[in-house]
Amino acid sequence: VDYDELEDAKWFNLNDLPDLPYSASVARKLIES
């Protein structure tokens, strides 16, 4: 992880996801796909 750019990054299993971006965002739609 480049901590100048990110606070954290990690691999998440489908059954153990963290809080996700807002439902209207393309980020959320990408994850939901």
Full PDB file with SEQRES, HELIX, SHEET, SSBOND, CRYST1, ORIGX, SCALE, CONECT and MASTER records, all heavy atoms in Angstrom:
SEQRES   1 A   33  VAL ASP TYR ASP GLU LEU GLU ASP ALA LYS TRP PHE ASN          
SEQRES   2 A   33  LEU ASN ASP LEU PRO ASP LEU PRO TYR SER ALA SER VAL          
SEQRES   3 A   33  ALA ARG LYS LEU ILE GLU SER                                  
HELIX    1 AA1 VAL A   26  GLU A   32  1                                   7    
CRYST1    1.000    1.000    1.000  90.00  90.00  90.00 P 1           1          
ORIGX1      1.000000  0.000000  0.000000        0.00000                         
ORIGX2      0.000000  1.000000  0.000000        0.00000                         
ORIGX3      0.000000  0.000000  1.000000        0.00000                         
SCALE1      1.000000  0.000000  0.000000        0.00000                         
SCALE2      0.000000  1.000000  0.000000        0.00000                         
SCALE3      0.000000  0.000000  1.000000        0.00000                         
ATOM      1  N   VAL A   1       0.832  -1.208   0.000  1.00  0.00           N  
ATOM      2  CA  VAL A   1       0.000   0.000   0.000  1.00  0.00           C  
ATOM      3  C   VAL A   1       0.865   1.256   0.000  1.00  0.00           C  
ATOM      4  O   VAL A   1       1.790   1.389   0.806  1.00  0.00           O  
ATOM      5  CB  VAL A   1      -0.932   0.008   1.232  1.00  0.00           C  
ATOM      6  CG1 VAL A   1      -1.781   1.267   1.265  1.00  0.00           C  
ATOM      7  CG2 VAL A   1      -1.814  -1.233   1.249  1.00  0.00           C  
ATOM      8  N   ASP A   2       0.552   2.189  -0.898  1.00  0.00           N  
ATOM      9  CA  ASP A   2       1.186   3.507  -0.908  1.00  0.00           C  
ATOM     10  C   ASP A   2       0.411   4.380   0.075  1.00  0.00           C  
ATOM     11  O   ASP A   2      -0.656   4.895  -0.244  1.00  0.00           O  
ATOM     12  CB  ASP A   2       1.144   4.106  -2.314  1.00  0.00           C  
ATOM     13  CG  ASP A   2       1.753   5.499  -2.381  1.00  0.00           C  
ATOM     14  OD1 ASP A   2       2.044   6.098  -1.320  1.00  0.00           O  
ATOM     15  OD2 ASP A   2       1.922   6.010  -3.504  1.00  0.00           O  
ATOM     16  N   TYR A   3       0.956   4.541   1.275  1.00  0.00           N  
ATOM     17  CA  TYR A   3       0.244   5.268   2.323  1.00  0.00           C  
ATOM     18  C   TYR A   3       0.221   6.775   2.102  1.00  0.00           C  
ATOM     19  O   TYR A   3      -0.467   7.487   2.831  1.00  0.00           O  
ATOM     20  CB  TYR A   3       0.821   4.910   3.695  1.00  0.00           C  
ATOM     21  CG  TYR A   3       0.502   3.481   4.078  1.00  0.00           C  
ATOM     22  CD1 TYR A   3       1.470   2.490   4.020  1.00  0.00           C  
ATOM     23  CD2 TYR A   3      -0.795   3.126   4.453  1.00  0.00           C  
ATOM     24  CE1 TYR A   3       1.169   1.181   4.347  1.00  0.00           C  
ATOM     25  CE2 TYR A   3      -1.110   1.815   4.774  1.00  0.00           C  
ATOM     26  CZ  TYR A   3      -0.124   0.853   4.724  1.00  0.00           C  
ATOM     27  OH  TYR A   3      -0.441  -0.446   5.036  1.00  0.00           O  
ATOM     28  N   ASP A   4       0.936   7.270   1.098  1.00  0.00           N  
ATOM     29  CA  ASP A   4       0.788   8.681   0.714  1.00  0.00           C  
ATOM     30  C   ASP A   4      -0.529   8.876  -0.041  1.00  0.00           C  
ATOM     31  O   ASP A   4      -1.105   9.958  -0.038  1.00  0.00           O  
ATOM     32  CB  ASP A   4       1.952   9.142  -0.164  1.00  0.00           C  
ATOM     33  CG  ASP A   4       3.245   9.250   0.613  1.00  0.00           C  
ATOM     34  OD1 ASP A   4       3.199   9.459   1.852  1.00  0.00           O  
ATOM     35  OD2 ASP A   4       4.314   9.120  -0.010  1.00  0.00           O  
ATOM     36  N   GLU A   5      -0.985   7.815  -0.715  1.00  0.00           N  
ATOM     37  CA  GLU A   5      -2.213   7.873  -1.519  1.00  0.00           C  
ATOM     38  C   GLU A   5      -3.422   7.286  -0.796  1.00  0.00           C  
ATOM     39  O   GLU A   5      -4.533   7.755  -0.972  1.00  0.00           O  
ATOM     40  CB  GLU A   5      -2.010   7.106  -2.830  1.00  0.00           C  
ATOM     41  CG  GLU A   5      -1.002   7.721  -3.768  1.00  0.00           C  
ATOM     42  CD  GLU A   5      -1.556   8.924  -4.499  1.00  0.00           C  
ATOM     43  OE1 GLU A   5      -2.773   8.976  -4.739  1.00  0.00           O  
ATOM     44  OE2 GLU A   5      -0.764   9.824  -4.814  1.00  0.00           O  
ATOM     45  N   LEU A   6      -3.202   6.228  -0.037  1.00  0.00           N  
ATOM     46  CA  LEU A   6      -4.290   5.489   0.597  1.00  0.00           C  
ATOM     47  C   LEU A   6      -4.076   5.378   2.102  1.00  0.00           C  
ATOM     48  O   LEU A   6      -2.948   5.372   2.578  1.00  0.00           O  
ATOM     49  CB  LEU A   6      -4.378   4.071   0.024  1.00  0.00           C  
ATOM     50  CG  LEU A   6      -4.592   3.926  -1.473  1.00  0.00           C  
ATOM     51  CD1 LEU A   6      -4.451   2.467  -1.870  1.00  0.00           C  
ATOM     52  CD2 LEU A   6      -5.950   4.471  -1.870  1.00  0.00           C  
ATOM     53  N   GLU A   7      -5.165   5.251   2.818  1.00  0.00           N  
ATOM     54  CA  GLU A   7      -5.081   4.971   4.245  1.00  0.00           C  
ATOM     55  C   GLU A   7      -4.904   3.464   4.481  1.00  0.00           C  
ATOM     56  O   GLU A   7      -4.238   3.045   5.409  1.00  0.00           O  
ATOM     57  CB  GLU A   7      -6.346   5.468   4.939  1.00  0.00           C  
ATOM     58  CG  GLU A   7      -6.296   5.379   6.438  1.00  0.00           C  
ATOM     59  CD  GLU A   7      -7.503   6.026   7.064  1.00  0.00           C  
ATOM     60  OE1 GLU A   7      -7.520   7.269   7.165  1.00  0.00           O  
ATOM     61  OE2 GLU A   7      -8.433   5.284   7.447  1.00  0.00           O  
ATOM     62  N   ASP A   8      -5.524   2.655   3.584  1.00  0.00           N  
ATOM     63  CA  ASP A   8      -5.456   1.207   3.731  1.00  0.00           C  
ATOM     64  C   ASP A   8      -5.933   0.561   2.435  1.00  0.00           C  
ATOM     65  O   ASP A   8      -6.648   1.171   1.646  1.00  0.00           O  
ATOM     66  CB  ASP A   8      -6.358   0.759   4.894  1.00  0.00           C  
ATOM     67  CG  ASP A   8      -6.167  -0.691   5.280  1.00  0.00           C  
ATOM     68  OD1 ASP A   8      -5.067  -1.234   5.070  1.00  0.00           O  
ATOM     69  OD2 ASP A   8      -7.125  -1.296   5.792  1.00  0.00           O  
ATOM     70  N   ALA A   9      -5.549  -0.688   2.238  1.00  0.00           N  
ATOM     71  CA  ALA A   9      -6.068  -1.514   1.140  1.00  0.00           C  
ATOM     72  C   ALA A   9      -5.911  -2.955   1.566  1.00  0.00           C  
ATOM     73  O   ALA A   9      -4.905  -3.313   2.195  1.00  0.00           O  
ATOM     74  CB  ALA A   9      -5.319  -1.252  -0.160  1.00  0.00           C  
ATOM     75  N   LYS A  10      -6.908  -3.776   1.264  1.00  0.00           N  
ATOM     76  CA  LYS A  10      -6.815  -5.198   1.607  1.00  0.00           C  
ATOM     77  C   LYS A  10      -7.780  -6.006   0.773  1.00  0.00           C  
ATOM     78  O   LYS A  10      -8.726  -5.465   0.198  1.00  0.00           O  
ATOM     79  CB  LYS A  10      -7.008  -5.439   3.096  1.00  0.00           C  
ATOM     80  CG  LYS A  10      -8.293  -4.919   3.673  1.00  0.00           C  
ATOM     81  CD  LYS A  10      -8.420  -5.222   5.163  1.00  0.00           C  
ATOM     82  CE  LYS A  10      -8.053  -4.048   5.996  1.00  0.00           C  
ATOM     83  NZ  LYS A  10      -8.426  -4.107   7.376  1.00  0.00           N  
ATOM     84  N   TRP A  11      -7.519  -7.293   0.730  1.00  0.00           N  
ATOM     85  CA  TRP A  11      -8.390  -8.226   0.034  1.00  0.00           C  
ATOM     86  C   TRP A  11      -9.573  -8.551   0.931  1.00  0.00           C  
ATOM     87  O   TRP A  11      -9.401  -8.806   2.121  1.00  0.00           O  
ATOM     88  CB  TRP A  11      -7.637  -9.511  -0.309  1.00  0.00           C  
ATOM     89  CG  TRP A  11      -6.562  -9.313  -1.325  1.00  0.00           C  
ATOM     90  CD1 TRP A  11      -5.227  -9.226  -1.091  1.00  0.00           C  
ATOM     91  CD2 TRP A  11      -6.742  -9.179  -2.736  1.00  0.00           C  
ATOM     92  NE1 TRP A  11      -4.559  -9.043  -2.279  1.00  0.00           N  
ATOM     93  CE2 TRP A  11      -5.463  -9.013  -3.313  1.00  0.00           C  
ATOM     94  CE3 TRP A  11      -7.854  -9.182  -3.578  1.00  0.00           C  
ATOM     95  CZ2 TRP A  11      -5.269  -8.856  -4.674  1.00  0.00           C  
ATOM     96  CZ3 TRP A  11      -7.663  -9.034  -4.941  1.00  0.00           C  
ATOM     97  CH2 TRP A  11      -6.384  -8.871  -5.474  1.00  0.00           C  
ATOM     98  N   PHE A  12     -10.772  -8.542   0.342  1.00  0.00           N  
ATOM     99  CA  PHE A  12     -11.994  -8.869   1.075  1.00  0.00           C  
ATOM    100  C   PHE A  12     -12.707 -10.017   0.385  1.00  0.00           C  
ATOM    101  O   PHE A  12     -12.861 -10.025  -0.833  1.00  0.00           O  
ATOM    102  CB  PHE A  12     -12.942  -7.673   1.141  1.00  0.00           C  
ATOM    103  CG  PHE A  12     -12.478  -6.584   2.051  1.00  0.00           C  
ATOM    104  CD1 PHE A  12     -11.713  -5.534   1.568  1.00  0.00           C  
ATOM    105  CD2 PHE A  12     -12.812  -6.601   3.400  1.00  0.00           C  
ATOM    106  CE1 PHE A  12     -11.292  -4.516   2.410  1.00  0.00           C  
ATOM    107  CE2 PHE A  12     -12.391  -5.589   4.254  1.00  0.00           C  
ATOM    108  CZ  PHE A  12     -11.625  -4.542   3.754  1.00  0.00           C  
ATOM    109  N   ASN A  13     -13.163 -10.962   1.186  1.00  0.00           N  
ATOM    110  CA  ASN A  13     -13.974 -12.064   0.708  1.00  0.00           C  
ATOM    111  C   ASN A  13     -15.395 -11.573   0.496  1.00  0.00           C  
ATOM    112  O   ASN A  13     -15.869 -10.686   1.209  1.00  0.00           O  
ATOM    113  CB  ASN A  13     -13.945 -13.210   1.727  1.00  0.00           C  
ATOM    114  CG  ASN A  13     -14.655 -14.440   1.222  1.00  0.00           C  
ATOM    115  OD1 ASN A  13     -15.879 -14.504   1.235  1.00  0.00           O  
ATOM    116  ND2 ASN A  13     -13.883 -15.413   0.781  1.00  0.00           N  
ATOM    117  N   LEU A  14     -16.069 -12.163  -0.443  1.00  0.00           N  
ATOM    118  CA  LEU A  14     -17.462 -11.833  -0.756  1.00  0.00           C  
ATOM    119  C   LEU A  14     -18.350 -11.844   0.484  1.00  0.00           C  
ATOM    120  O   LEU A  14     -19.256 -11.032   0.612  1.00  0.00           O  
ATOM    121  CB  LEU A  14     -17.979 -12.850  -1.781  1.00  0.00           C  
ATOM    122  CG  LEU A  14     -19.442 -12.803  -2.158  1.00  0.00           C  
ATOM    123  CD1 LEU A  14     -19.754 -11.525  -2.898  1.00  0.00           C  
ATOM    124  CD2 LEU A  14     -19.791 -13.995  -3.017  1.00  0.00           C  
ATOM    125  N   ASN A  15     -18.077 -12.737   1.430  1.00  0.00           N  
ATOM    126  CA  ASN A  15     -18.919 -12.869   2.622  1.00  0.00           C  
ATOM    127  C   ASN A  15     -18.485 -11.992   3.781  1.00  0.00           C  
ATOM    128  O   ASN A  15     -19.068 -12.065   4.859  1.00  0.00           O  
ATOM    129  CB  ASN A  15     -18.936 -14.342   3.074  1.00  0.00           C  
ATOM    130  CG  ASN A  15     -19.503 -15.232   1.993  1.00  0.00           C  
ATOM    131  OD1 ASN A  15     -20.512 -14.920   1.381  1.00  0.00           O  
ATOM    132  ND2 ASN A  15     -18.820 -16.339   1.730  1.00  0.00           N  
ATOM    133  N   ASP A  16     -17.467 -11.166   3.580  1.00  0.00           N  
ATOM    134  CA  ASP A  16     -16.950 -10.341   4.669  1.00  0.00           C  
ATOM    135  C   ASP A  16     -16.530  -8.971   4.147  1.00  0.00           C  
ATOM    136  O   ASP A  16     -15.375  -8.582   4.264  1.00  0.00           O  
ATOM    137  CB  ASP A  16     -15.765 -11.062   5.335  1.00  0.00           C  
ATOM    138  CG  ASP A  16     -15.318 -10.367   6.600  1.00  0.00           C  
ATOM    139  OD1 ASP A  16     -16.151  -9.711   7.261  1.00  0.00           O  
ATOM    140  OD2 ASP A  16     -14.114 -10.464   6.926  1.00  0.00           O  
ATOM    141  N   LEU A  17     -17.485  -8.241   3.556  1.00  0.00           N  
ATOM    142  CA  LEU A  17     -17.185  -6.938   2.967  1.00  0.00           C  
ATOM    143  C   LEU A  17     -17.348  -5.823   3.993  1.00  0.00           C  
ATOM    144  O   LEU A  17     -18.210  -5.897   4.867  1.00  0.00           O  
ATOM    145  CB  LEU A  17     -18.102  -6.681   1.775  1.00  0.00           C  
ATOM    146  CG  LEU A  17     -17.904  -7.620   0.582  1.00  0.00           C  
ATOM    147  CD1 LEU A  17     -18.976  -7.374  -0.469  1.00  0.00           C  
ATOM    148  CD2 LEU A  17     -16.521  -7.442  -0.021  1.00  0.00           C  
ATOM    149  N   PRO A  18     -16.550  -4.767   3.887  1.00  0.00           N  
ATOM    150  CA  PRO A  18     -16.672  -3.615   4.780  1.00  0.00           C  
ATOM    151  C   PRO A  18     -17.833  -2.720   4.336  1.00  0.00           C  
ATOM    152  O   PRO A  18     -18.572  -3.063   3.405  1.00  0.00           O  
ATOM    153  CB  PRO A  18     -15.336  -2.906   4.588  1.00  0.00           C  
ATOM    154  CG  PRO A  18     -15.018  -3.169   3.146  1.00  0.00           C  
ATOM    155  CD  PRO A  18     -15.503  -4.578   2.891  1.00  0.00           C  
ATOM    156  N   ASP A  19     -17.972  -1.556   4.965  1.00  0.00           N  
ATOM    157  CA  ASP A  19     -18.923  -0.562   4.478  1.00  0.00           C  
ATOM    158  C   ASP A  19     -18.506  -0.173   3.066  1.00  0.00           C  
ATOM    159  O   ASP A  19     -17.320   0.024   2.789  1.00  0.00           O  
ATOM    160  CB  ASP A  19     -18.925   0.682   5.365  1.00  0.00           C  
ATOM    161  CG  ASP A  19     -19.575   0.428   6.712  1.00  0.00           C  
ATOM    162  OD1 ASP A  19     -20.329  -0.561   6.843  1.00  0.00           O  
ATOM    163  OD2 ASP A  19     -19.337   1.229   7.633  1.00  0.00           O  
ATOM    164  N   LEU A  20     -19.499  -0.063   2.189  1.00  0.00           N  
ATOM    165  CA  LEU A  20     -19.235   0.211   0.776  1.00  0.00           C  
ATOM    166  C   LEU A  20     -19.682   1.615   0.397  1.00  0.00           C  
ATOM    167  O   LEU A  20     -20.467   2.240   1.115  1.00  0.00           O  
ATOM    168  CB  LEU A  20     -19.959  -0.832  -0.085  1.00  0.00           C  
ATOM    169  CG  LEU A  20     -19.547  -2.280   0.166  1.00  0.00           C  
ATOM    170  CD1 LEU A  20     -20.415  -3.234  -0.640  1.00  0.00           C  
ATOM    171  CD2 LEU A  20     -18.072  -2.492  -0.146  1.00  0.00           C  
ATOM    172  N   PRO A  21     -19.227   2.120  -0.755  1.00  0.00           N  
ATOM    173  CA  PRO A  21     -19.637   3.444  -1.224  1.00  0.00           C  
ATOM    174  C   PRO A  21     -21.154   3.545  -1.410  1.00  0.00           C  
ATOM    175  O   PRO A  21     -21.861   2.538  -1.445  1.00  0.00           O  
ATOM    176  CB  PRO A  21     -18.912   3.588  -2.565  1.00  0.00           C  
ATOM    177  CG  PRO A  21     -17.747   2.665  -2.459  1.00  0.00           C  
ATOM    178  CD  PRO A  21     -18.231   1.510  -1.635  1.00  0.00           C  
ATOM    179  N   TYR A  22     -21.622   4.750  -1.559  1.00  0.00           N  
ATOM    180  CA  TYR A  22     -23.048   5.043  -1.703  1.00  0.00           C  
ATOM    181  C   TYR A  22     -23.668   4.264  -2.857  1.00  0.00           C  
ATOM    182  O   TYR A  22     -23.039   4.068  -3.884  1.00  0.00           O  
ATOM    183  CB  TYR A  22     -23.259   6.546  -1.910  1.00  0.00           C  
ATOM    184  CG  TYR A  22     -22.629   7.365  -0.822  1.00  0.00           C  
ATOM    185  CD1 TYR A  22     -21.445   8.056  -1.054  1.00  0.00           C  
ATOM    186  CD2 TYR A  22     -23.192   7.426   0.450  1.00  0.00           C  
ATOM    187  CE1 TYR A  22     -20.832   8.803  -0.044  1.00  0.00           C  
ATOM    188  CE2 TYR A  22     -22.592   8.165   1.461  1.00  0.00           C  
ATOM    189  CZ  TYR A  22     -21.421   8.847   1.208  1.00  0.00           C  
ATOM    190  OH  TYR A  22     -20.826   9.569   2.201  1.00  0.00           O  
ATOM    191  N   SER A  23     -24.915   3.865  -2.706  1.00  0.00           N  
ATOM    192  CA  SER A  23     -25.580   3.008  -3.694  1.00  0.00           C  
ATOM    193  C   SER A  23     -25.702   3.663  -5.069  1.00  0.00           C  
ATOM    194  O   SER A  23     -25.786   2.969  -6.069  1.00  0.00           O  
ATOM    195  CB  SER A  23     -26.953   2.582  -3.182  1.00  0.00           C  
ATOM    196  OG  SER A  23     -27.766   3.703  -2.958  1.00  0.00           O  
ATOM    197  N   ALA A  24     -25.712   4.984  -5.139  1.00  0.00           N  
ATOM    198  CA  ALA A  24     -25.837   5.678  -6.427  1.00  0.00           C  
ATOM    199  C   ALA A  24     -24.508   5.772  -7.181  1.00  0.00           C  
ATOM    200  O   ALA A  24     -24.483   6.164  -8.345  1.00  0.00           O  
ATOM    201  CB  ALA A  24     -26.391   7.083  -6.211  1.00  0.00           C  
ATOM    202  N   SER A  25     -23.428   5.385  -6.543  1.00  0.00           N  
ATOM    203  CA  SER A  25     -22.110   5.553  -7.162  1.00  0.00           C  
ATOM    204  C   SER A  25     -21.749   4.387  -8.073  1.00  0.00           C  
ATOM    205  O   SER A  25     -22.171   3.258  -7.858  1.00  0.00           O  
ATOM    206  CB  SER A  25     -21.034   5.698  -6.075  1.00  0.00           C  
ATOM    207  OG  SER A  25     -20.849   4.470  -5.407  1.00  0.00           O  
ATOM    208  N   VAL A  26     -20.935   4.681  -9.072  1.00  0.00           N  
ATOM    209  CA  VAL A  26     -20.451   3.633  -9.967  1.00  0.00           C  
ATOM    210  C   VAL A  26     -19.558   2.667  -9.185  1.00  0.00           C  
ATOM    211  O   VAL A  26     -19.495   1.476  -9.505  1.00  0.00           O  
ATOM    212  CB  VAL A  26     -19.744   4.220 -11.213  1.00  0.00           C  
ATOM    213  CG1 VAL A  26     -18.424   4.860 -10.864  1.00  0.00           C  
ATOM    214  CG2 VAL A  26     -19.558   3.177 -12.291  1.00  0.00           C  
ATOM    215  N   ALA A  27     -18.900   3.147  -8.150  1.00  0.00           N  
ATOM    216  CA  ALA A  27     -18.069   2.273  -7.315  1.00  0.00           C  
ATOM    217  C   ALA A  27     -18.919   1.175  -6.686  1.00  0.00           C  
ATOM    218  O   ALA A  27     -18.535   0.004  -6.689  1.00  0.00           O  
ATOM    219  CB  ALA A  27     -17.377   3.094  -6.225  1.00  0.00           C  
ATOM    220  N   ARG A  28     -20.069   1.543  -6.175  1.00  0.00           N  
ATOM    221  CA  ARG A  28     -20.952   0.546  -5.546  1.00  0.00           C  
ATOM    222  C   ARG A  28     -21.482  -0.435  -6.590  1.00  0.00           C  
ATOM    223  O   ARG A  28     -21.536  -1.639  -6.362  1.00  0.00           O  
ATOM    224  CB  ARG A  28     -22.105   1.261  -4.845  1.00  0.00           C  
ATOM    225  CG  ARG A  28     -23.112   0.361  -4.177  1.00  0.00           C  
ATOM    226  CD  ARG A  28     -22.472  -0.425  -3.005  1.00  0.00           C  
ATOM    227  NE  ARG A  28     -23.454  -1.094  -2.212  1.00  0.00           N  
ATOM    228  CZ  ARG A  28     -23.971  -0.606  -1.092  1.00  0.00           C  
ATOM    229  NH1 ARG A  28     -23.593   0.568  -0.631  1.00  0.00           N  
ATOM    230  NH2 ARG A  28     -24.862  -1.285  -0.432  1.00  0.00           N  
ATOM    231  N   LYS A  29     -21.864   0.084  -7.757  1.00  0.00           N  
ATOM    232  CA  LYS A  29     -22.377  -0.786  -8.823  1.00  0.00           C  
ATOM    233  C   LYS A  29     -21.297  -1.772  -9.288  1.00  0.00           C  
ATOM    234  O   LYS A  29     -21.585  -2.927  -9.587  1.00  0.00           O  
ATOM    235  CB  LYS A  29     -22.900   0.058  -9.970  1.00  0.00           C  
ATOM    236  CG  LYS A  29     -24.171   0.809  -9.608  1.00  0.00           C  
ATOM    237  CD  LYS A  29     -24.630   1.705 -10.739  1.00  0.00           C  
ATOM    238  CE  LYS A  29     -25.956   2.324 -10.454  1.00  0.00           C  
ATOM    239  NZ  LYS A  29     -25.960   3.479  -9.625  1.00  0.00           N  
ATOM    240  N   LEU A  30     -20.075  -1.314  -9.326  1.00  0.00           N  
ATOM    241  CA  LEU A  30     -18.943  -2.159  -9.703  1.00  0.00           C  
ATOM    242  C   LEU A  30     -18.777  -3.303  -8.697  1.00  0.00           C  
ATOM    243  O   LEU A  30     -18.660  -4.472  -9.079  1.00  0.00           O  
ATOM    244  CB  LEU A  30     -17.684  -1.296  -9.761  1.00  0.00           C  
ATOM    245  CG  LEU A  30     -16.391  -1.854 -10.282  1.00  0.00           C  
ATOM    246  CD1 LEU A  30     -16.535  -2.367 -11.700  1.00  0.00           C  
ATOM    247  CD2 LEU A  30     -15.318  -0.779 -10.238  1.00  0.00           C  
ATOM    248  N   ILE A  31     -18.818  -2.979  -7.423  1.00  0.00           N  
ATOM    249  CA  ILE A  31     -18.692  -3.989  -6.368  1.00  0.00           C  
ATOM    250  C   ILE A  31     -19.885  -4.932  -6.383  1.00  0.00           C  
ATOM    251  O   ILE A  31     -19.738  -6.154  -6.265  1.00  0.00           O  
ATOM    252  CB  ILE A  31     -18.506  -3.314  -4.996  1.00  0.00           C  
ATOM    253  CG1 ILE A  31     -17.176  -2.558  -4.975  1.00  0.00           C  
ATOM    254  CG2 ILE A  31     -18.589  -4.335  -3.864  1.00  0.00           C  
ATOM    255  CD1 ILE A  31     -17.018  -1.578  -3.827  1.00  0.00           C  
ATOM    256  N   GLU A  32     -21.088  -4.395  -6.563  1.00  0.00           N  
ATOM    257  CA  GLU A  32     -22.281  -5.238  -6.605  1.00  0.00           C  
ATOM    258  C   GLU A  32     -22.265  -6.193  -7.801  1.00  0.00           C  
ATOM    259  O   GLU A  32     -22.794  -7.294  -7.719  1.00  0.00           O  
ATOM    260  CB  GLU A  32     -23.544  -4.379  -6.608  1.00  0.00           C  
ATOM    261  CG  GLU A  32     -23.813  -3.764  -5.251  1.00  0.00           C  
ATOM    262  CD  GLU A  32     -25.013  -2.819  -5.230  1.00  0.00           C  
ATOM    263  OE1 GLU A  32     -25.564  -2.491  -6.309  1.00  0.00           O  
ATOM    264  OE2 GLU A  32     -25.380  -2.410  -4.125  1.00  0.00           O  
ATOM    265  N   SER A  33     -21.628  -5.798  -8.902  1.00  0.00           N  
ATOM    266  CA  SER A  33     -21.532  -6.696 -10.050  1.00  0.00           C  
ATOM    267  C   SER A  33     -20.670  -7.898  -9.699  1.00  0.00           C  
ATOM    268  O   SER A  33     -20.947  -9.011 -10.149  1.00  0.00           O  
ATOM    269  CB  SER A  33     -20.973  -5.960 -11.281  1.00  0.00           C  
ATOM    270  OG  SER A  33     -19.573  -5.767 -11.171  1.00  0.00           O  
TER     271      SER A  33                                                      
MASTER        0    0    0    1    0    0    0    6  270    1    0    3          
END                                                                             
